[in-house]
Every structure is written in C-alpha cells, then in structure tokens.
C-alpha cells in the first residue's frame, strides 16, 4: 500500500537513510514522506525511525495506489472522480 506520512520540520537528505525507498518533500515547515509500504511491520519500522529521530509525527495516511506521490490537489480531484464513477 502507498502511504503519505507527514512530520513536523524540514528534514535534510541526511535523514534519507532512515526512510530508504521513500520520497521526502519539504512543504510549509513540514516534510512529507511518501512511498510503498509492504506490510504492517514495515510501517511500524518507519514509525519507530520517526520516533527514534525525535521527530513529531503529524499524520499517516494510506493512499490509493494510483496516487504514487502526486500532490494533494491531484488526489482531491482523482478522489472526486473515483467517487462519481463508483457503481451504486
């Protein structure tokens, strides 16, 4: 499953090793970490890394597979389209 994890503060590339295989993007004083998380133990490992580094966790969101790192405006649009096209 694809996840979007937001932490407080702007992380530099030196933190990249803690989130191998994930993308990091600074935005509005926060860092958005996105990527594929294969199972719960992988997710718990990432959350443990966040805690061990003393970072403040803001949010964790499972994302639809088709999002894969796109911005929230795209996600909002795609979510509306998906809901509109969903069979009753």
PDB file of N, CA and C in Angstrom:
ATOM      1  N   UNK A   1       0.844  -1.174   0.000  1.00  0.00           N
ATOM      2  CA  UNK A   1       0.000   0.000   0.000  1.00  0.00           C
ATOM      3  C   UNK A   1       0.893   1.242   0.000  1.00  0.00           C
ATOM      4  N   UNK A   2       0.415   2.275  -0.609  1.00  0.00           N
ATOM      5  CA  UNK A   2       1.143   3.532  -0.711  1.00  0.00           C
ATOM      6  C   UNK A   2       0.744   4.430   0.464  1.00  0.00           C
ATOM      7  N   UNK A   3       1.733   5.052   1.129  1.00  0.00           N
ATOM      8  CA  UNK A   3       1.463   5.883   2.304  1.00  0.00           C
ATOM      9  C   UNK A   3       2.011   7.294   2.139  1.00  0.00           C
ATOM     10  N   UNK A   4       1.343   8.218   2.814  1.00  0.00           N
ATOM     11  CA  UNK A   4       1.809   9.603   2.943  1.00  0.00           C
ATOM     12  C   UNK A   4       1.957   9.860   4.437  1.00  0.00           C
ATOM     13  N   UNK A   5       3.182  10.134   4.853  1.00  0.00           N
ATOM     14  CA  UNK A   5       3.493  10.372   6.270  1.00  0.00           C
ATOM     15  C   UNK A   5       4.030  11.792   6.382  1.00  0.00           C
ATOM     16  N   UNK A   6       3.469  12.561   7.289  1.00  0.00           N
ATOM     17  CA  UNK A   6       3.888  13.958   7.455  1.00  0.00           C
ATOM     18  C   UNK A   6       4.510  14.116   8.839  1.00  0.00           C
ATOM     19  N   UNK A   7       5.704  14.733   8.871  1.00  0.00           N
ATOM     20  CA  UNK A   7       6.376  15.044  10.133  1.00  0.00           C
ATOM     21  C   UNK A   7       6.629  16.544  10.205  1.00  0.00           C
ATOM     22  N   UNK A   8       6.688  17.042  11.412  1.00  0.00           N
ATOM     23  CA  UNK A   8       6.958  18.472  11.627  1.00  0.00           C
ATOM     24  C   UNK A   8       8.435  18.740  11.370  1.00  0.00           C
ATOM     25  N   UNK A   9       8.714  19.853  10.718  1.00  0.00           N
ATOM     26  CA  UNK A   9      10.094  20.251  10.439  1.00  0.00           C
ATOM     27  C   UNK A   9      10.526  19.859   9.039  1.00  0.00           C
ATOM     28  N   UNK A  10      11.602  20.471   8.607  1.00  0.00           N
ATOM     29  CA  UNK A  10      12.148  20.206   7.281  1.00  0.00           C
ATOM     30  C   UNK A  10      13.351  19.281   7.442  1.00  0.00           C
ATOM     31  N   UNK A  11      13.231  18.076   6.895  1.00  0.00           N
ATOM     32  CA  UNK A  11      14.315  17.101   7.001  1.00  0.00           C
ATOM     33  C   UNK A  11      15.287  17.279   5.852  1.00  0.00           C
ATOM     34  N   UNK A  12      16.566  17.152   6.150  1.00  0.00           N
ATOM     35  CA  UNK A  12      17.594  17.227   5.116  1.00  0.00           C
ATOM     36  C   UNK A  12      17.855  15.825   4.571  1.00  0.00           C
ATOM     37  N   UNK A  13      18.657  15.755   3.546  1.00  0.00           N
ATOM     38  CA  UNK A  13      18.975  14.472   2.912  1.00  0.00           C
ATOM     39  C   UNK A  13      19.682  13.503   3.869  1.00  0.00           C
ATOM     40  N   UNK A  14      20.262  14.022   4.932  1.00  0.00           N
ATOM     41  CA  UNK A  14      20.944  13.107   5.872  1.00  0.00           C
ATOM     42  C   UNK A  14      19.964  12.166   6.547  1.00  0.00           C
ATOM     43  N   UNK A  15      18.668  12.484   6.499  1.00  0.00           N
ATOM     44  CA  UNK A  15      17.649  11.610   7.067  1.00  0.00           C
ATOM     45  C   UNK A  15      17.188  10.540   6.071  1.00  0.00           C
ATOM     46  N   UNK A  16      17.610  10.645   4.819  1.00  0.00           N
ATOM     47  CA  UNK A  16      17.134   9.745   3.771  1.00  0.00           C
ATOM     48  C   UNK A  16      17.404   8.277   4.088  1.00  0.00           C
ATOM     49  N   UNK A  17      18.522   7.976   4.732  1.00  0.00           N
ATOM     50  CA  UNK A  17      18.846   6.588   5.071  1.00  0.00           C
ATOM     51  C   UNK A  17      17.805   5.965   6.007  1.00  0.00           C
ATOM     52  N   UNK A  18      17.173   6.779   6.831  1.00  0.00           N
ATOM     53  CA  UNK A  18      16.160   6.274   7.758  1.00  0.00           C
ATOM     54  C   UNK A  18      14.874   5.901   7.028  1.00  0.00           C
ATOM     55  N   UNK A  19      14.711   6.407   5.810  1.00  0.00           N
ATOM     56  CA  UNK A  19      13.481   6.180   5.050  1.00  0.00           C
ATOM     57  C   UNK A  19      13.809   5.663   3.652  1.00  0.00           C
ATOM     58  N   UNK A  20      14.640   4.641   3.588  1.00  0.00           N
ATOM     59  CA  UNK A  20      15.081   4.061   2.328  1.00  0.00           C
ATOM     60  C   UNK A  20      13.883   3.659   1.470  1.00  0.00           C
ATOM     61  N   UNK A  21      13.932   4.054   0.202  1.00  0.00           N
ATOM     62  CA  UNK A  21      12.869   3.713  -0.724  1.00  0.00           C
ATOM     63  C   UNK A  21      11.687   4.662  -0.701  1.00  0.00           C
ATOM     64  N   UNK A  22      11.734   5.658   0.190  1.00  0.00           N
ATOM     65  CA  UNK A  22      10.647   6.625   0.307  1.00  0.00           C
ATOM     66  C   UNK A  22      11.113   7.957  -0.282  1.00  0.00           C
ATOM     67  N   UNK A  23      10.160   8.768  -0.729  1.00  0.00           N
ATOM     68  CA  UNK A  23      10.468  10.116  -1.204  1.00  0.00           C
ATOM     69  C   UNK A  23      10.189  11.103  -0.085  1.00  0.00           C
ATOM     70  N   UNK A  24      11.012  12.142   0.026  1.00  0.00           N
ATOM     71  CA  UNK A  24      10.813  13.193   1.017  1.00  0.00           C
ATOM     72  C   UNK A  24      10.659  14.518   0.299  1.00  0.00           C
ATOM     73  N   UNK A  25       9.679  15.309   0.756  1.00  0.00           N
ATOM     74  CA  UNK A  25       9.449  16.617   0.150  1.00  0.00           C
ATOM     75  C   UNK A  25       9.089  17.601   1.262  1.00  0.00           C
ATOM     76  N   UNK A  26       9.842  18.710   1.358  1.00  0.00           N
ATOM     77  CA  UNK A  26       9.561  19.750   2.354  1.00  0.00           C
ATOM     78  C   UNK A  26       8.468  20.669   1.816  1.00  0.00           C
ATOM     79  N   UNK A  27       7.540  20.997   2.720  1.00  0.00           N
ATOM     80  CA  UNK A  27       6.437  21.867   2.323  1.00  0.00           C
ATOM     81  C   UNK A  27       5.833  22.518   3.571  1.00  0.00           C
ATOM     82  N   UNK A  28       5.841  23.839   3.614  1.00  0.00           N
ATOM     83  CA  UNK A  28       5.199  24.562   4.703  1.00  0.00           C
ATOM     84  C   UNK A  28       5.728  24.233   6.089  1.00  0.00           C
ATOM     85  N   UNK A  29       7.036  24.034   6.205  1.00  0.00           N
ATOM     86  CA  UNK A  29       7.630  23.740   7.507  1.00  0.00           C
ATOM     87  C   UNK A  29       7.468  22.299   7.950  1.00  0.00           C
ATOM     88  N   UNK A  30       6.978  21.458   7.060  1.00  0.00           N
ATOM     89  CA  UNK A  30       6.820  20.039   7.349  1.00  0.00           C
ATOM     90  C   UNK A  30       7.505  19.235   6.251  1.00  0.00           C
ATOM     91  N   UNK A  31       7.722  17.959   6.516  1.00  0.00           N
ATOM     92  CA  UNK A  31       8.266  17.069   5.496  1.00  0.00           C
ATOM     93  C   UNK A  31       7.245  15.979   5.225  1.00  0.00           C
ATOM     94  N   UNK A  32       6.972  15.779   3.942  1.00  0.00           N
ATOM     95  CA  UNK A  32       6.043  14.742   3.512  1.00  0.00           C
ATOM     96  C   UNK A  32       6.879  13.574   3.000  1.00  0.00           C
ATOM     97  N   UNK A  33       6.660  12.416   3.600  1.00  0.00           N
ATOM     98  CA  UNK A  33       7.380  11.200   3.239  1.00  0.00           C
ATOM     99  C   UNK A  33       6.365  10.289   2.561  1.00  0.00           C
ATOM    100  N   UNK A  34       6.639   9.899   1.315  1.00  0.00           N
ATOM    101  CA  UNK A  34       5.702   9.057   0.583  1.00  0.00           C
ATOM    102  C   UNK A  34       6.408   7.841   0.016  1.00  0.00           C
ATOM    103  N   UNK A  35       5.643   6.776  -0.139  1.00  0.00           N
ATOM    104  CA  UNK A  35       6.196   5.588  -0.758  1.00  0.00           C
ATOM    105  C   UNK A  35       5.404   4.348  -0.437  1.00  0.00           C
ATOM    106  N   UNK A  36       5.855   3.271  -1.042  1.00  0.00           N
ATOM    107  CA  UNK A  36       5.227   1.967  -0.876  1.00  0.00           C
ATOM    108  C   UNK A  36       5.643   1.369   0.465  1.00  0.00           C
ATOM    109  N   UNK A  37       4.669   0.923   1.232  1.00  0.00           N
ATOM    110  CA  UNK A  37       4.920   0.222   2.495  1.00  0.00           C
ATOM    111  C   UNK A  37       4.287  -1.154   2.355  1.00  0.00           C
ATOM    112  N   UNK A  38       5.108  -2.184   2.462  1.00  0.00           N
ATOM    113  CA  UNK A  38       4.671  -3.526   2.085  1.00  0.00           C
ATOM    114  C   UNK A  38       3.790  -4.224   3.116  1.00  0.00           C
ATOM    115  N   UNK A  39       3.992  -3.937   4.399  1.00  0.00           N
ATOM    116  CA  UNK A  39       3.169  -4.583   5.421  1.00  0.00           C
ATOM    117  C   UNK A  39       3.228  -3.786   6.718  1.00  0.00           C
ATOM    118  N   UNK A  40       2.512  -4.268   7.726  1.00  0.00           N
ATOM    119  CA  UNK A  40       2.451  -3.536   8.998  1.00  0.00           C
ATOM    120  C   UNK A  40       3.797  -3.430   9.675  1.00  0.00           C
ATOM    121  N   UNK A  41       4.621  -4.456   9.584  1.00  0.00           N
ATOM    122  CA  UNK A  41       5.927  -4.378  10.246  1.00  0.00           C
ATOM    123  C   UNK A  41       6.796  -3.313   9.580  1.00  0.00           C
ATOM    124  N   UNK A  42       6.681  -3.141   8.276  1.00  0.00           N
ATOM    125  CA  UNK A  42       7.408  -2.090   7.568  1.00  0.00           C
ATOM    126  C   UNK A  42       6.937  -0.720   8.055  1.00  0.00           C
ATOM    127  N   UNK A  43       5.610  -0.554   8.166  1.00  0.00           N
ATOM    128  CA  UNK A  43       5.050   0.707   8.668  1.00  0.00           C
ATOM    129  C   UNK A  43       5.525   0.983  10.091  1.00  0.00           C
ATOM    130  N   UNK A  44       5.482  -0.030  10.947  1.00  0.00           N
ATOM    131  CA  UNK A  44       5.937   0.160  12.330  1.00  0.00           C
ATOM    132  C   UNK A  44       7.421   0.518  12.386  1.00  0.00           C
ATOM    133  N   UNK A  45       8.219  -0.051  11.483  1.00  0.00           N
ATOM    134  CA  UNK A  45       9.635   0.284  11.425  1.00  0.00           C
ATOM    135  C   UNK A  45       9.857   1.750  11.070  1.00  0.00           C
ATOM    136  N   UNK A  46       9.085   2.246  10.117  1.00  0.00           N
ATOM    137  CA  UNK A  46       9.200   3.656   9.731  1.00  0.00           C
ATOM    138  C   UNK A  46       8.756   4.555  10.879  1.00  0.00           C
ATOM    139  N   UNK A  47       7.658   4.198  11.518  1.00  0.00           N
ATOM    140  CA  UNK A  47       7.181   4.988  12.663  1.00  0.00           C
ATOM    141  C   UNK A  47       8.182   4.952  13.808  1.00  0.00           C
ATOM    142  N   UNK A  48       8.843   3.814  13.991  1.00  0.00           N
ATOM    143  CA  UNK A  48       9.888   3.715  15.026  1.00  0.00           C
ATOM    144  C   UNK A  48      11.066   4.628  14.677  1.00  0.00           C
ATOM    145  N   UNK A  49      11.436   4.676  13.397  1.00  0.00           N
ATOM    146  CA  UNK A  49      12.524   5.569  12.967  1.00  0.00           C
ATOM    147  C   UNK A  49      12.168   7.023  13.251  1.00  0.00           C
ATOM    148  N   UNK A  50      10.929   7.397  12.963  1.00  0.00           N
ATOM    149  CA  UNK A  50      10.477   8.768  13.223  1.00  0.00           C
ATOM    150  C   UNK A  50      10.601   9.085  14.700  1.00  0.00           C
ATOM    151  N   UNK A  51      10.150   8.168  15.527  1.00  0.00           N
ATOM    152  CA  UNK A  51      10.227   8.365  16.979  1.00  0.00           C
ATOM    153  C   UNK A  51      11.676   8.413  17.461  1.00  0.00           C
ATOM    154  N   UNK A  52      12.505   7.498  16.968  1.00  0.00           N
ATOM    155  CA  UNK A  52      13.910   7.431  17.387  1.00  0.00           C
ATOM    156  C   UNK A  52      14.689   8.684  17.011  1.00  0.00           C
ATOM    157  N   UNK A  53      14.292   9.311  15.919  1.00  0.00           N
ATOM    158  CA  UNK A  53      14.958  10.538  15.477  1.00  0.00           C
ATOM    159  C   UNK A  53      14.421  11.773  16.194  1.00  0.00           C
ATOM    160  N   UNK A  54      13.425  11.577  17.062  1.00  0.00           N
ATOM    161  CA  UNK A  54      12.862  12.695  17.818  1.00  0.00           C
ATOM    162  C   UNK A  54      11.971  13.593  16.983  1.00  0.00           C
ATOM    163  N   UNK A  55      11.417  13.040  15.908  1.00  0.00           N
ATOM    164  CA  UNK A  55      10.563  13.830  15.025  1.00  0.00           C
ATOM    165  C   UNK A  55       9.126  13.805  15.523  1.00  0.00           C
ATOM    166  N   UNK A  56       8.400  14.885  15.253  1.00  0.00           N
ATOM    167  CA  UNK A  56       6.991  14.956  15.627  1.00  0.00           C
ATOM    168  C   UNK A  56       6.141  14.473  14.461  1.00  0.00           C
ATOM    169  N   UNK A  57       5.402  13.396  14.681  1.00  0.00           N
ATOM    170  CA  UNK A  57       4.522  12.836  13.665  1.00  0.00           C
ATOM    171  C   UNK A  57       3.259  13.684  13.572  1.00  0.00           C
ATOM    172  N   UNK A  58       2.923  14.133  12.375  1.00  0.00           N
ATOM    173  CA  UNK A  58       1.728  14.948  12.149  1.00  0.00           C
ATOM    174  C   UNK A  58       0.582  14.075  11.652  1.00  0.00           C
ATOM    175  N   UNK A  59       0.861  13.229  10.645  1.00  0.00           N
ATOM    176  CA  UNK A  59      -0.202  12.372  10.115  1.00  0.00           C
ATOM    177  C   UNK A  59       0.373  11.182   9.360  1.00  0.00           C
ATOM    178  N   UNK A  60      -0.454  10.137   9.273  1.00  0.00           N
ATOM    179  CA  UNK A  60      -0.148   8.947   8.486  1.00  0.00           C
ATOM    180  C   UNK A  60      -1.418   8.629   7.707  1.00  0.00           C
ATOM    181  N   UNK A  61      -1.293   8.553   6.380  1.00  0.00           N
ATOM    182  CA  UNK A  61      -2.465   8.285   5.548  1.00  0.00           C
ATOM    183  C   UNK A  61      -2.143   7.233   4.503  1.00  0.00           C
ATOM    184  N   UNK A  62      -2.961   6.186   4.461  1.00  0.00           N
ATOM    185  CA  UNK A  62      -2.878   5.230   3.362  1.00  0.00           C
ATOM    186  C   UNK A  62      -3.499   5.908   2.148  1.00  0.00           C
ATOM    187  N   UNK A  63      -2.850   5.770   1.005  1.00  0.00           N
ATOM    188  CA  UNK A  63      -3.296   6.424  -0.222  1.00  0.00           C
ATOM    189  C   UNK A  63      -3.670   5.368  -1.257  1.00  0.00           C
ATOM    190  N   UNK A  64      -4.592   5.711  -2.162  1.00  0.00           N
ATOM    191  CA  UNK A  64      -4.876   4.791  -3.270  1.00  0.00           C
ATOM    192  C   UNK A  64      -3.605   4.574  -4.092  1.00  0.00           C
ATOM    193  N   UNK A  65      -3.473   3.410  -4.659  1.00  0.00           N
ATOM    194  CA  UNK A  65      -2.268   3.054  -5.415  1.00  0.00           C
ATOM    195  C   UNK A  65      -1.976   4.022  -6.559  1.00  0.00           C
ATOM    196  N   UNK A  66      -3.002   4.583  -7.198  1.00  0.00           N
ATOM    197  CA  UNK A  66      -2.765   5.433  -8.364  1.00  0.00           C
ATOM    198  C   UNK A  66      -2.196   6.801  -8.006  1.00  0.00           C
ATOM    199  N   UNK A  67      -2.166   7.161  -6.725  1.00  0.00           N
ATOM    200  CA  UNK A  67      -1.668   8.478  -6.333  1.00  0.00           C
ATOM    201  C   UNK A  67      -0.155   8.548  -6.501  1.00  0.00           C
ATOM    202  N   UNK A  68       0.558   7.623  -5.910  1.00  0.00           N
ATOM    203  CA  UNK A  68       2.016   7.499  -6.021  1.00  0.00           C
ATOM    204  C   UNK A  68       2.786   8.801  -6.066  1.00  0.00           C
ATOM    205  N   UNK A  69       2.623   9.631  -5.029  1.00  0.00           N
ATOM    206  CA  UNK A  69       3.456  10.811  -4.879  1.00  0.00           C
ATOM    207  C   UNK A  69       2.933  12.066  -5.520  1.00  0.00           C
ATOM    208  N   UNK A  70       1.736  12.031  -6.083  1.00  0.00           N
ATOM    209  CA  UNK A  70       1.201  13.245  -6.681  1.00  0.00           C
ATOM    210  C   UNK A  70       0.743  14.190  -5.579  1.00  0.00           C
ATOM    211  N   UNK A  71       0.511  15.441  -5.931  1.00  0.00           N
ATOM    212  CA  UNK A  71       0.141  16.419  -4.921  1.00  0.00           C
ATOM    213  C   UNK A  71      -1.311  16.255  -4.471  1.00  0.00           C
ATOM    214  N   UNK A  72      -1.673  16.927  -3.380  1.00  0.00           N
ATOM    215  CA  UNK A  72      -2.997  16.789  -2.797  1.00  0.00           C
ATOM    216  C   UNK A  72      -4.101  17.282  -3.722  1.00  0.00           C
ATOM    217  N   UNK A  73      -3.835  18.282  -4.530  1.00  0.00           N
ATOM    218  CA  UNK A  73      -4.853  18.777  -5.458  1.00  0.00           C
ATOM    219  C   UNK A  73      -5.223  17.678  -6.443  1.00  0.00           C
ATOM    220  N   UNK A  74      -4.226  16.961  -6.925  1.00  0.00           N
ATOM    221  CA  UNK A  74      -4.483  15.854  -7.835  1.00  0.00           C
ATOM    222  C   UNK A  74      -5.241  14.758  -7.116  1.00  0.00           C
ATOM    223  N   UNK A  75      -4.832  14.465  -5.886  1.00  0.00           N
ATOM    224  CA  UNK A  75      -5.512  13.444  -5.097  1.00  0.00           C
ATOM    225  C   UNK A  75      -6.970  13.821  -4.898  1.00  0.00           C
ATOM    226  N   UNK A  76      -7.245  15.062  -4.524  1.00  0.00           N
ATOM    227  CA  UNK A  76      -8.615  15.504  -4.308  1.00  0.00           C
ATOM    228  C   UNK A  76      -9.432  15.338  -5.582  1.00  0.00           C
ATOM    229  N   UNK A  77      -8.886  15.736  -6.721  1.00  0.00           N
ATOM    230  CA  UNK A  77      -9.587  15.613  -7.990  1.00  0.00           C
ATOM    231  C   UNK A  77      -9.846  14.145  -8.317  1.00  0.00           C
ATOM    232  N   UNK A  78      -8.816  13.313  -8.187  1.00  0.00           N
ATOM    233  CA  UNK A  78      -8.971  11.905  -8.512  1.00  0.00           C
ATOM    234  C   UNK A  78      -9.949  11.218  -7.572  1.00  0.00           C
ATOM    235  N   UNK A  79      -9.967  11.600  -6.313  1.00  0.00           N
ATOM    236  CA  UNK A  79     -10.907  11.029  -5.352  1.00  0.00           C
ATOM    237  C   UNK A  79     -12.337  11.372  -5.738  1.00  0.00           C
ATOM    238  N   UNK A  80     -12.563  12.621  -6.153  1.00  0.00           N
ATOM    239  CA  UNK A  80     -13.903  13.028  -6.571  1.00  0.00           C
ATOM    240  C   UNK A  80     -14.335  12.257  -7.812  1.00  0.00           C
ATOM    241  N   UNK A  81     -13.424  12.102  -8.771  1.00  0.00           N
ATOM    242  CA  UNK A  81     -13.748  11.363  -9.988  1.00  0.00           C
ATOM    243  C   UNK A  81     -14.054   9.904  -9.659  1.00  0.00           C
ATOM    244  N   UNK A  82     -13.241   9.310  -8.793  1.00  0.00           N
ATOM    245  CA  UNK A  82     -13.456   7.907  -8.417  1.00  0.00           C
ATOM    246  C   UNK A  82     -14.805   7.724  -7.727  1.00  0.00           C
ATOM    247  N   UNK A  83     -15.168   8.643  -6.846  1.00  0.00           N
ATOM    248  CA  UNK A  83     -16.459   8.545  -6.155  1.00  0.00           C
ATOM    249  C   UNK A  83     -17.609   8.713  -7.134  1.00  0.00           C
ATOM    250  N   UNK A  84     -17.458   9.626  -8.072  1.00  0.00           N
ATOM    251  CA  UNK A  84     -18.518   9.900  -9.051  1.00  0.00           C
ATOM    252  C   UNK A  84     -18.726   8.697  -9.971  1.00  0.00           C
ATOM    253  N   UNK A  85     -17.636   7.988 -10.284  1.00  0.00           N
ATOM    254  CA  UNK A  85     -17.720   6.837 -11.202  1.00  0.00           C
ATOM    255  C   UNK A  85     -17.960   5.519 -10.499  1.00  0.00           C
ATOM    256  N   UNK A  86     -18.063   5.545  -9.188  1.00  0.00           N
ATOM    257  CA  UNK A  86     -18.268   4.323  -8.413  1.00  0.00           C
ATOM    258  C   UNK A  86     -19.698   3.804  -8.629  1.00  0.00           C
ATOM    259  N   UNK A  87     -19.845   2.524  -9.000  1.00  0.00           N
ATOM    260  CA  UNK A  87     -21.192   1.978  -9.189  1.00  0.00           C
ATOM    261  C   UNK A  87     -21.941   1.904  -7.858  1.00  0.00           C
ATOM    262  N   UNK A  88     -23.227   2.091  -7.930  1.00  0.00           N
ATOM    263  CA  UNK A  88     -24.067   2.034  -6.719  1.00  0.00           C
ATOM    264  C   UNK A  88     -24.419   0.622  -6.367  1.00  0.00           C
TER     265      UNK A  88
END
